[in-house]
Amino acid sequence: MSAPQSDVLSIEIIPVNNEADLGSIAWVTINRPDKLNALNADVMSSLKAMVAWVEATDSVRVVVLTGAQPNEPAEGKRAKPNAFVAGADITEFVGKRSDDIRVMFADNAVEALWNLSKPTIAMVDGFALGGGCEVACSCDVRIASDRSRFGTPEINLGLIPGYGATQRLVGLVGYGKTMEMIMTGEMVSAEEAHRIGLANHVCTPDELHAFTLKMAQTIGSKSSNTLRVGKATIRAALDVGLTEGVAIEAEAFASLFDSKDKEIGVNAFLNRSTPEWEHQ
């Protein structure tokens, strides 16, 4: 099955390692640069289709999600700023009532991305605001350029976040900082995002692509089965208490001893060789 492409979302398939068949990275770009890559119905539909395709495609090991770079401005016009996703397309909110929004947000693309069993990286270059911040938070890792800004400005529209920021930000940055971000609507710099745990790494714009690709290749070189088990086990920490979580980890750890990849990995370590995983 070929990767789903659309006018607002493109997918580039990048090999994890050119020297071995270790699968691929799905490099996904939200492509609405003239609208600062804002989320609209087409983007959300395309993201859901991408997630379904990634889940069903064994060769895809890891996903990188980013926003398109700004187009060259017309002569005499000011260039658009860089954006990962500058929020939801607010024009779609005009005249909507609660029942309309419940339908829009039910089974939405941000939750689909969050529930993807494979590792995901948000490569943020520029604004990650509102729904864009929530898309970044729904990924497993966030790597940002030093010109990036994160924020949840929905309060300025008489709203609160609706794609999970009130919940996921608490896990990332803590209760107090989440309250500050959501109640003031103010942006935080990339450096502050890194300090508080919202961004894993901060790079210069020129370094961002190579740094992100290297991490994606490192993650993608691991056993896909072990990555899936590891992600599910770490996610359990968000939903259960410590005692239950430790028990879940112990069971997951033990279950991997029945996998071929455990034998492959252990023998490769002992023989000082590169493991060739069963689960490609």
C-alpha atoms as a PDB file:
ATOM      1  CA  MET A   1       0.000   0.000   0.000  1.00  0.00           C
ATOM      2  CA  SER A   2       1.480   3.318  -1.072  1.00  0.00           C
ATOM      3  CA  ALA A   3       1.773   6.271   1.282  1.00  0.00           C
ATOM      4  CA  PRO A   4      -1.311   8.514   1.261  1.00  0.00           C
ATOM      5  CA  GLN A   5      -0.516  11.931  -0.179  1.00  0.00           C
ATOM      6  CA  SER A   6      -2.732  15.002  -0.356  1.00  0.00           C
ATOM      7  CA  ASP A   7      -2.567  18.696  -1.184  1.00  0.00           C
ATOM      8  CA  VAL A   8      -2.054  19.518   2.498  1.00  0.00           C
ATOM      9  CA  LEU A   9       0.184  16.651   3.605  1.00  0.00           C
ATOM     10  CA  SER A  10       3.163  14.951   1.985  1.00  0.00           C
ATOM     11  CA  ILE A  11       5.099  11.856   3.041  1.00  0.00           C
ATOM     12  CA  GLU A  12       8.719  11.181   2.125  1.00  0.00           C
ATOM     13  CA  ILE A  13      10.079   7.682   2.689  1.00  0.00           C
ATOM     14  CA  ILE A  14      13.679   7.748   3.959  1.00  0.00           C
ATOM     15  CA  PRO A  15      15.711   4.557   4.537  1.00  0.00           C
ATOM     16  CA  VAL A  16      16.809   4.024   8.126  1.00  0.00           C
ATOM     17  CA  ASN A  17      20.177   2.728   6.948  1.00  0.00           C
ATOM     18  CA  ASN A  18      21.409   2.549   3.372  1.00  0.00           C
ATOM     19  CA  GLU A  19      23.632  -0.436   4.175  1.00  0.00           C
ATOM     20  CA  ALA A  20      20.920  -2.729   5.521  1.00  0.00           C
ATOM     21  CA  ASP A  21      17.234  -3.323   5.045  1.00  0.00           C
ATOM     22  CA  LEU A  22      16.129  -1.835   8.358  1.00  0.00           C
ATOM     23  CA  GLY A  23      12.912  -0.323   7.125  1.00  0.00           C
ATOM     24  CA  SER A  24      12.160   3.351   6.671  1.00  0.00           C
ATOM     25  CA  ILE A  25      11.303   6.677   8.252  1.00  0.00           C
ATOM     26  CA  ALA A  26       8.055   8.361   7.253  1.00  0.00           C
ATOM     27  CA  TRP A  27       8.911  12.071   7.002  1.00  0.00           C
ATOM     28  CA  VAL A  28       5.518  13.779   7.114  1.00  0.00           C
ATOM     29  CA  THR A  29       5.069  17.462   6.229  1.00  0.00           C
ATOM     30  CA  ILE A  30       1.921  19.483   6.860  1.00  0.00           C
ATOM     31  CA  ASN A  31       1.773  21.671   3.778  1.00  0.00           C
ATOM     32  CA  ARG A  32      -0.211  24.881   4.262  1.00  0.00           C
ATOM     33  CA  PRO A  33       2.632  27.396   4.521  1.00  0.00           C
ATOM     34  CA  ASP A  34       0.528  30.381   3.465  1.00  0.00           C
ATOM     35  CA  LYS A  35      -1.756  29.610   6.450  1.00  0.00           C
ATOM     36  CA  LEU A  36       1.192  28.855   8.773  1.00  0.00           C
ATOM     37  CA  ASN A  37       0.300  25.151   8.402  1.00  0.00           C
ATOM     38  CA  ALA A  38      -2.892  25.665  10.407  1.00  0.00           C
ATOM     39  CA  LEU A  39      -5.044  22.621  11.076  1.00  0.00           C
ATOM     40  CA  ASN A  40      -8.239  22.428   9.036  1.00  0.00           C
ATOM     41  CA  ALA A  41     -10.562  19.566   8.141  1.00  0.00           C
ATOM     42  CA  ASP A  42      -8.386  18.486   5.208  1.00  0.00           C
ATOM     43  CA  VAL A  43      -5.224  18.386   7.329  1.00  0.00           C
ATOM     44  CA  MET A  44      -6.948  16.420  10.067  1.00  0.00           C
ATOM     45  CA  SER A  45      -8.368  13.920   7.588  1.00  0.00           C
ATOM     46  CA  SER A  46      -4.957  13.522   5.930  1.00  0.00           C
ATOM     47  CA  LEU A  47      -3.229  13.031   9.289  1.00  0.00           C
ATOM     48  CA  LYS A  48      -5.671  10.282  10.216  1.00  0.00           C
ATOM     49  CA  ALA A  49      -5.065   8.557   6.889  1.00  0.00           C
ATOM     50  CA  MET A  50      -1.303   8.829   7.438  1.00  0.00           C
ATOM     51  CA  VAL A  51      -1.535   7.308  10.911  1.00  0.00           C
ATOM     52  CA  ALA A  52      -3.626   4.389   9.620  1.00  0.00           C
ATOM     53  CA  TRP A  53      -1.133   3.791   6.811  1.00  0.00           C
ATOM     54  CA  VAL A  54       1.876   3.907   9.156  1.00  0.00           C
ATOM     55  CA  GLU A  55       0.210   1.488  11.576  1.00  0.00           C
ATOM     56  CA  ALA A  56      -0.477  -0.949   8.741  1.00  0.00           C
ATOM     57  CA  THR A  57       2.936  -0.657   7.046  1.00  0.00           C
ATOM     58  CA  ASP A  58       5.520  -2.888   8.718  1.00  0.00           C
ATOM     59  CA  SER A  59       8.470  -1.276   6.943  1.00  0.00           C
ATOM     60  CA  VAL A  60       7.826   2.126   8.561  1.00  0.00           C
ATOM     61  CA  ARG A  61       9.788   2.218  11.802  1.00  0.00           C
ATOM     62  CA  VAL A  62       9.411   5.820  12.981  1.00  0.00           C
ATOM     63  CA  VAL A  63       7.501   8.974  11.998  1.00  0.00           C
ATOM     64  CA  VAL A  64       8.867  12.517  11.813  1.00  0.00           C
ATOM     65  CA  LEU A  65       6.169  15.189  11.653  1.00  0.00           C
ATOM     66  CA  THR A  66       6.931  18.762  10.634  1.00  0.00           C
ATOM     67  CA  GLY A  67       5.466  21.821   8.945  1.00  0.00           C
ATOM     68  CA  ALA A  68       6.286  23.196   5.513  1.00  0.00           C
ATOM     69  CA  GLN A  69       8.738  26.067   5.224  1.00  0.00           C
ATOM     70  CA  PRO A  70       7.291  29.430   4.141  1.00  0.00           C
ATOM     71  CA  ASN A  71       7.010  30.154   0.448  1.00  0.00           C
ATOM     72  CA  GLU A  72       9.057  32.904  -1.116  1.00  0.00           C
ATOM     73  CA  PRO A  73       7.017  36.107  -0.781  1.00  0.00           C
ATOM     74  CA  ALA A  74       5.769  38.027  -3.783  1.00  0.00           C
ATOM     75  CA  GLU A  75       7.789  41.102  -4.649  1.00  0.00           C
ATOM     76  CA  GLY A  76       7.127  43.835  -2.144  1.00  0.00           C
ATOM     77  CA  LYS A  77       5.395  41.470   0.295  1.00  0.00           C
ATOM     78  CA  ARG A  78       6.635  40.460   3.721  1.00  0.00           C
ATOM     79  CA  ALA A  79       7.705  36.845   4.168  1.00  0.00           C
ATOM     80  CA  LYS A  80       5.520  34.585   6.287  1.00  0.00           C
ATOM     81  CA  PRO A  81       7.117  33.403   9.542  1.00  0.00           C
ATOM     82  CA  ASN A  82       8.244  29.829  10.063  1.00  0.00           C
ATOM     83  CA  ALA A  83       5.632  27.575  11.621  1.00  0.00           C
ATOM     84  CA  PHE A  84       5.305  23.968  12.676  1.00  0.00           C
ATOM     85  CA  VAL A  85       1.560  24.421  13.067  1.00  0.00           C
ATOM     86  CA  ALA A  86       0.275  27.829  14.156  1.00  0.00           C
ATOM     87  CA  GLY A  87      -2.979  26.415  15.519  1.00  0.00           C
ATOM     88  CA  ALA A  88      -6.396  25.441  14.268  1.00  0.00           C
ATOM     89  CA  ASP A  89      -7.956  27.195  11.304  1.00  0.00           C
ATOM     90  CA  ILE A  90     -10.210  29.528  13.293  1.00  0.00           C
ATOM     91  CA  THR A  91     -12.421  30.213  10.272  1.00  0.00           C
ATOM     92  CA  GLU A  92     -13.861  26.731  10.819  1.00  0.00           C
ATOM     93  CA  PHE A  93     -15.057  27.740  14.307  1.00  0.00           C
ATOM     94  CA  VAL A  94     -17.295  30.585  13.160  1.00  0.00           C
ATOM     95  CA  GLY A  95     -20.948  29.895  13.937  1.00  0.00           C
ATOM     96  CA  LYS A  96     -20.241  26.456  15.374  1.00  0.00           C
ATOM     97  CA  ARG A  97     -22.111  25.199  18.436  1.00  0.00           C
ATOM     98  CA  SER A  98     -21.140  22.525  20.933  1.00  0.00           C
ATOM     99  CA  ASP A  99     -22.761  19.653  19.033  1.00  0.00           C
ATOM    100  CA  ASP A 100     -20.852  20.629  15.876  1.00  0.00           C
ATOM    101  CA  ILE A 101     -17.562  20.680  17.762  1.00  0.00           C
ATOM    102  CA  ARG A 102     -18.196  17.357  19.483  1.00  0.00           C
ATOM    103  CA  VAL A 103     -18.528  15.761  16.044  1.00  0.00           C
ATOM    104  CA  MET A 104     -15.362  17.499  14.780  1.00  0.00           C
ATOM    105  CA  PHE A 105     -13.297  16.453  17.783  1.00  0.00           C
ATOM    106  CA  ALA A 106     -14.602  12.890  18.110  1.00  0.00           C
ATOM    107  CA  ASP A 107     -12.083  10.301  16.892  1.00  0.00           C
ATOM    108  CA  ASN A 108      -9.753  13.130  15.886  1.00  0.00           C
ATOM    109  CA  ALA A 109      -6.334  13.026  14.226  1.00  0.00           C
ATOM    110  CA  VAL A 110      -4.406  14.263  17.267  1.00  0.00           C
ATOM    111  CA  GLU A 111      -5.664  11.314  19.326  1.00  0.00           C
ATOM    112  CA  ALA A 112      -4.897   8.988  16.417  1.00  0.00           C
ATOM    113  CA  LEU A 113      -1.328  10.280  16.354  1.00  0.00           C
ATOM    114  CA  TRP A 114      -1.063   9.891  20.133  1.00  0.00           C
ATOM    115  CA  ASN A 115      -2.264   6.287  19.911  1.00  0.00           C
ATOM    116  CA  LEU A 116       0.108   5.264  17.107  1.00  0.00           C
ATOM    117  CA  SER A 117       2.127   2.273  18.318  1.00  0.00           C
ATOM    118  CA  LYS A 118       5.316   3.411  16.568  1.00  0.00           C
ATOM    119  CA  PRO A 119       7.702   6.155  17.764  1.00  0.00           C
ATOM    120  CA  THR A 120       6.957   9.703  16.608  1.00  0.00           C
ATOM    121  CA  ILE A 121       9.115  12.832  16.525  1.00  0.00           C
ATOM    122  CA  ALA A 122       7.829  16.386  16.102  1.00  0.00           C
ATOM    123  CA  MET A 123      10.396  18.556  14.306  1.00  0.00           C
ATOM    124  CA  VAL A 124       9.356  22.088  15.250  1.00  0.00           C
ATOM    125  CA  ASP A 125      10.687  25.082  13.355  1.00  0.00           C
ATOM    126  CA  GLY A 126       8.747  28.197  14.273  1.00  0.00           C
ATOM    127  CA  PHE A 127       5.334  28.602  15.846  1.00  0.00           C
ATOM    128  CA  ALA A 128       3.696  25.617  17.579  1.00  0.00           C
ATOM    129  CA  LEU A 129       0.580  27.270  18.928  1.00  0.00           C
ATOM    130  CA  GLY A 130      -2.826  26.031  20.055  1.00  0.00           C
ATOM    131  CA  GLY A 131      -3.584  22.882  18.118  1.00  0.00           C
ATOM    132  CA  GLY A 132      -0.010  22.939  16.840  1.00  0.00           C
ATOM    133  CA  CYS A 133       1.355  22.729  20.364  1.00  0.00           C
ATOM    134  CA  GLU A 134      -1.086  19.889  20.976  1.00  0.00           C
ATOM    135  CA  VAL A 135       0.063  18.038  17.848  1.00  0.00           C
ATOM    136  CA  ALA A 136       3.650  18.372  19.075  1.00  0.00           C
ATOM    137  CA  CYS A 137       2.629  17.119  22.534  1.00  0.00           C
ATOM    138  CA  SER A 138       0.954  14.093  20.958  1.00  0.00           C
ATOM    139  CA  CYS A 139       4.319  13.023  19.534  1.00  0.00           C
ATOM    140  CA  ASP A 140       6.814  11.098  21.641  1.00  0.00           C
ATOM    141  CA  VAL A 141       9.773  13.446  21.159  1.00  0.00           C
ATOM    142  CA  ARG A 142       9.961  17.155  20.285  1.00  0.00           C
ATOM    143  CA  ILE A 143      13.038  18.681  18.634  1.00  0.00           C
ATOM    144  CA  ALA A 144      12.856  22.438  18.071  1.00  0.00           C
ATOM    145  CA  SER A 145      14.827  25.140  16.328  1.00  0.00           C
ATOM    146  CA  ASP A 146      15.889  28.057  18.487  1.00  0.00           C
ATOM    147  CA  ARG A 147      13.432  30.335  16.667  1.00  0.00           C
ATOM    148  CA  SER A 148      10.461  28.216  17.729  1.00  0.00           C
ATOM    149  CA  ARG A 149       7.706  29.361  20.057  1.00  0.00           C
ATOM    150  CA  PHE A 150       5.230  27.151  21.911  1.00  0.00           C
ATOM    151  CA  GLY A 151       1.912  28.289  23.325  1.00  0.00           C
ATOM    152  CA  THR A 152      -1.736  27.598  24.095  1.00  0.00           C
ATOM    153  CA  PRO A 153      -3.459  30.918  23.295  1.00  0.00           C
ATOM    154  CA  GLU A 154      -7.016  29.547  23.167  1.00  0.00           C
ATOM    155  CA  ILE A 155      -7.898  31.552  26.293  1.00  0.00           C
ATOM    156  CA  ASN A 156      -7.753  34.684  24.111  1.00  0.00           C
ATOM    157  CA  LEU A 157     -10.632  33.275  22.040  1.00  0.00           C
ATOM    158  CA  GLY A 158     -12.740  32.488  25.083  1.00  0.00           C
ATOM    159  CA  LEU A 159     -11.744  28.828  24.795  1.00  0.00           C
ATOM    160  CA  ILE A 160      -9.418  26.255  26.311  1.00  0.00           C
ATOM    161  CA  PRO A 161      -7.343  23.651  24.433  1.00  0.00           C
ATOM    162  CA  GLY A 162      -9.414  20.828  22.991  1.00  0.00           C
ATOM    163  CA  TYR A 163      -6.859  18.352  21.647  1.00  0.00           C
ATOM    164  CA  GLY A 164      -5.396  17.242  24.970  1.00  0.00           C
ATOM    165  CA  ALA A 165      -3.067  20.037  26.101  1.00  0.00           C
ATOM    166  CA  THR A 166      -4.709  20.390  29.520  1.00  0.00           C
ATOM    167  CA  GLN A 167      -3.754  16.760  30.147  1.00  0.00           C
ATOM    168  CA  ARG A 168      -0.510  16.156  28.247  1.00  0.00           C
ATOM    169  CA  LEU A 169       1.192  19.391  29.204  1.00  0.00           C
ATOM    170  CA  VAL A 170       0.803  18.508  32.894  1.00  0.00           C
ATOM    171  CA  GLY A 171       2.790  15.339  32.288  1.00  0.00           C
ATOM    172  CA  LEU A 172       5.480  17.219  30.379  1.00  0.00           C
ATOM    173  CA  VAL A 173       5.905  20.509  32.252  1.00  0.00           C
ATOM    174  CA  GLY A 174       3.965  20.086  35.502  1.00  0.00           C
ATOM    175  CA  TYR A 175       0.762  21.521  36.951  1.00  0.00           C
ATOM    176  CA  GLY A 176       1.945  25.051  37.667  1.00  0.00           C
ATOM    177  CA  LYS A 177       3.542  25.711  34.272  1.00  0.00           C
ATOM    178  CA  THR A 178       0.535  24.212  32.496  1.00  0.00           C
ATOM    179  CA  MET A 179      -1.750  26.540  34.409  1.00  0.00           C
ATOM    180  CA  GLU A 180       0.451  29.507  33.511  1.00  0.00           C
ATOM    181  CA  MET A 181       0.595  28.650  29.803  1.00  0.00           C
ATOM    182  CA  ILE A 182      -3.123  27.963  29.437  1.00  0.00           C
ATOM    183  CA  MET A 183      -4.417  30.750  31.684  1.00  0.00           C
ATOM    184  CA  THR A 184      -2.191  33.499  30.250  1.00  0.00           C
ATOM    185  CA  GLY A 185      -2.078  32.301  26.655  1.00  0.00           C
ATOM    186  CA  GLU A 186       1.504  33.560  26.440  1.00  0.00           C
ATOM    187  CA  MET A 187       4.156  31.878  24.324  1.00  0.00           C
ATOM    188  CA  VAL A 188       7.347  30.311  25.635  1.00  0.00           C
ATOM    189  CA  SER A 189      10.641  30.382  23.752  1.00  0.00           C
ATOM    190  CA  ALA A 190      12.409  27.272  22.528  1.00  0.00           C
ATOM    191  CA  GLU A 191      14.991  27.665  25.284  1.00  0.00           C
ATOM    192  CA  GLU A 192      12.265  27.881  27.936  1.00  0.00           C
ATOM    193  CA  ALA A 193      10.460  24.918  26.374  1.00  0.00           C
ATOM    194  CA  HIS A 194      13.661  22.916  26.704  1.00  0.00           C
ATOM    195  CA  ARG A 195      14.210  24.034  30.293  1.00  0.00           C
ATOM    196  CA  ILE A 196      10.725  22.967  31.395  1.00  0.00           C
ATOM    197  CA  GLY A 197      10.724  19.659  29.492  1.00  0.00           C
ATOM    198  CA  LEU A 198       8.443  20.547  26.594  1.00  0.00           C
ATOM    199  CA  ALA A 199      11.247  20.289  24.023  1.00  0.00           C
ATOM    200  CA  ASN A 200      13.746  17.418  24.189  1.00  0.00           C
ATOM    201  CA  HIS A 201      16.400  19.279  22.214  1.00  0.00           C
ATOM    202  CA  VAL A 202      16.947  22.724  20.680  1.00  0.00           C
ATOM    203  CA  CYS A 203      19.091  23.288  17.580  1.00  0.00           C
ATOM    204  CA  THR A 204      19.824  26.095  15.190  1.00  0.00           C
ATOM    205  CA  PRO A 205      17.536  26.050  12.131  1.00  0.00           C
ATOM    206  CA  ASP A 206      20.473  24.886   9.990  1.00  0.00           C
ATOM    207  CA  GLU A 207      21.132  21.919  12.303  1.00  0.00           C
ATOM    208  CA  LEU A 208      17.528  20.907  12.891  1.00  0.00           C
ATOM    209  CA  HIS A 209      16.957  18.558   9.953  1.00  0.00           C
ATOM    210  CA  ALA A 210      20.213  16.631  10.360  1.00  0.00           C
ATOM    211  CA  PHE A 211      19.798  16.323  14.133  1.00  0.00           C
ATOM    212  CA  THR A 212      16.227  15.056  13.769  1.00  0.00           C
ATOM    213  CA  LEU A 213      17.150  12.632  11.002  1.00  0.00           C
ATOM    214  CA  LYS A 214      19.979  11.190  13.088  1.00  0.00           C
ATOM    215  CA  MET A 215      17.656  10.563  16.015  1.00  0.00           C
ATOM    216  CA  ALA A 216      15.024   9.011  13.738  1.00  0.00           C
ATOM    217  CA  GLN A 217      17.671   6.726  12.233  1.00  0.00           C
ATOM    218  CA  THR A 218      18.924   5.732  15.681  1.00  0.00           C
ATOM    219  CA  ILE A 219      15.414   4.871  16.855  1.00  0.00           C
ATOM    220  CA  GLY A 220      14.560   3.185  13.568  1.00  0.00           C
ATOM    221  CA  SER A 221      17.589   0.889  13.801  1.00  0.00           C
ATOM    222  CA  LYS A 222      16.130  -0.881  16.848  1.00  0.00           C
ATOM    223  CA  SER A 223      13.820  -3.880  16.867  1.00  0.00           C
ATOM    224  CA  SER A 224      10.356  -2.695  15.825  1.00  0.00           C
ATOM    225  CA  ASN A 225       8.749  -5.205  18.177  1.00  0.00           C
ATOM    226  CA  THR A 226      10.800  -3.968  21.127  1.00  0.00           C
ATOM    227  CA  LEU A 227      10.057  -0.342  20.247  1.00  0.00           C
ATOM    228  CA  ARG A 228       6.339  -1.093  20.250  1.00  0.00           C
ATOM    229  CA  VAL A 229       6.496  -2.878  23.604  1.00  0.00           C
ATOM    230  CA  GLY A 230       8.669  -0.144  25.092  1.00  0.00           C
ATOM    231  CA  LYS A 231       6.361   2.656  23.955  1.00  0.00           C
ATOM    232  CA  ALA A 232       3.276   0.903  25.314  1.00  0.00           C
ATOM    233  CA  THR A 233       5.005   0.254  28.634  1.00  0.00           C
ATOM    234  CA  ILE A 234       6.158   3.863  29.038  1.00  0.00           C
ATOM    235  CA  ARG A 235       2.664   5.100  28.172  1.00  0.00           C
ATOM    236  CA  ALA A 236       1.267   2.943  30.976  1.00  0.00           C
ATOM    237  CA  ALA A 237       3.051   5.257  33.431  1.00  0.00           C
ATOM    238  CA  LEU A 238       0.633   8.016  32.393  1.00  0.00           C
ATOM    239  CA  ASP A 239      -2.453   5.962  33.158  1.00  0.00           C
ATOM    240  CA  VAL A 240      -1.694   3.800  36.198  1.00  0.00           C
ATOM    241  CA  GLY A 241      -0.004   4.114  39.575  1.00  0.00           C
ATOM    242  CA  LEU A 242       3.616   3.216  40.298  1.00  0.00           C
ATOM    243  CA  THR A 243       2.943  -0.252  41.713  1.00  0.00           C
ATOM    244  CA  GLU A 244       0.789  -1.321  38.777  1.00  0.00           C
ATOM    245  CA  GLY A 245       3.163   0.319  36.314  1.00  0.00           C
ATOM    246  CA  VAL A 246       6.181  -1.568  37.644  1.00  0.00           C
ATOM    247  CA  ALA A 247       4.207  -4.809  37.336  1.00  0.00           C
ATOM    248  CA  ILE A 248       3.316  -3.950  33.730  1.00  0.00           C
ATOM    249  CA  GLU A 249       6.980  -3.283  32.980  1.00  0.00           C
ATOM    250  CA  ALA A 250       8.095  -6.553  34.578  1.00  0.00           C
ATOM    251  CA  GLU A 251       5.607  -8.525  32.492  1.00  0.00           C
ATOM    252  CA  ALA A 252       6.597  -6.706  29.298  1.00  0.00           C
ATOM    253  CA  PHE A 253      10.287  -7.299  30.056  1.00  0.00           C
ATOM    254  CA  ALA A 254       9.689 -10.998  30.671  1.00  0.00           C
ATOM    255  CA  SER A 255       7.568 -11.392  27.520  1.00  0.00           C
ATOM    256  CA  LEU A 256      10.423 -10.129  25.347  1.00  0.00           C
ATOM    257  CA  PHE A 257      12.494 -13.140  26.395  1.00  0.00           C
ATOM    258  CA  ASP A 258      10.219 -15.212  24.138  1.00  0.00           C
ATOM    259  CA  SER A 259      11.009 -13.044  21.103  1.00  0.00           C
ATOM    260  CA  LYS A 260      13.581 -13.902  18.456  1.00  0.00           C
ATOM    261  CA  ASP A 261      14.898 -10.359  18.663  1.00  0.00           C
ATOM    262  CA  LYS A 262      16.060 -10.916  22.263  1.00  0.00           C
ATOM    263  CA  GLU A 263      18.263 -13.791  21.120  1.00  0.00           C
ATOM    264  CA  ILE A 264      19.476 -11.788  18.130  1.00  0.00           C
ATOM    265  CA  GLY A 265      20.327  -8.782  20.279  1.00  0.00           C
ATOM    266  CA  VAL A 266      22.064 -10.740  23.030  1.00  0.00           C
ATOM    267  CA  ASN A 267      24.137 -12.778  20.568  1.00  0.00           C
ATOM    268  CA  ALA A 268      25.079  -9.667  18.594  1.00  0.00           C
ATOM    269  CA  PHE A 269      26.253  -8.002  21.804  1.00  0.00           C
ATOM    270  CA  LEU A 270      28.337 -11.005  22.801  1.00  0.00           C
ATOM    271  CA  ASN A 271      29.811 -11.321  19.303  1.00  0.00           C
ATOM    272  CA  ARG A 272      30.379  -7.546  18.954  1.00  0.00           C
ATOM    273  CA  SER A 273      28.296  -7.508  15.761  1.00  0.00           C
ATOM    274  CA  THR A 274      25.346  -5.462  14.510  1.00  0.00           C
ATOM    275  CA  PRO A 275      21.993  -7.119  15.240  1.00  0.00           C
ATOM    276  CA  GLU A 276      19.845  -8.038  12.256  1.00  0.00           C
ATOM    277  CA  TRP A 277      16.400  -7.959  13.807  1.00  0.00           C
ATOM    278  CA  GLU A 278      13.685 -10.485  13.016  1.00  0.00           C
ATOM    279  CA  HIS A 279      11.017  -7.782  13.193  1.00  0.00           C
ATOM    280  CA  GLN A 280      11.940  -5.560  10.272  1.00  0.00           C
END
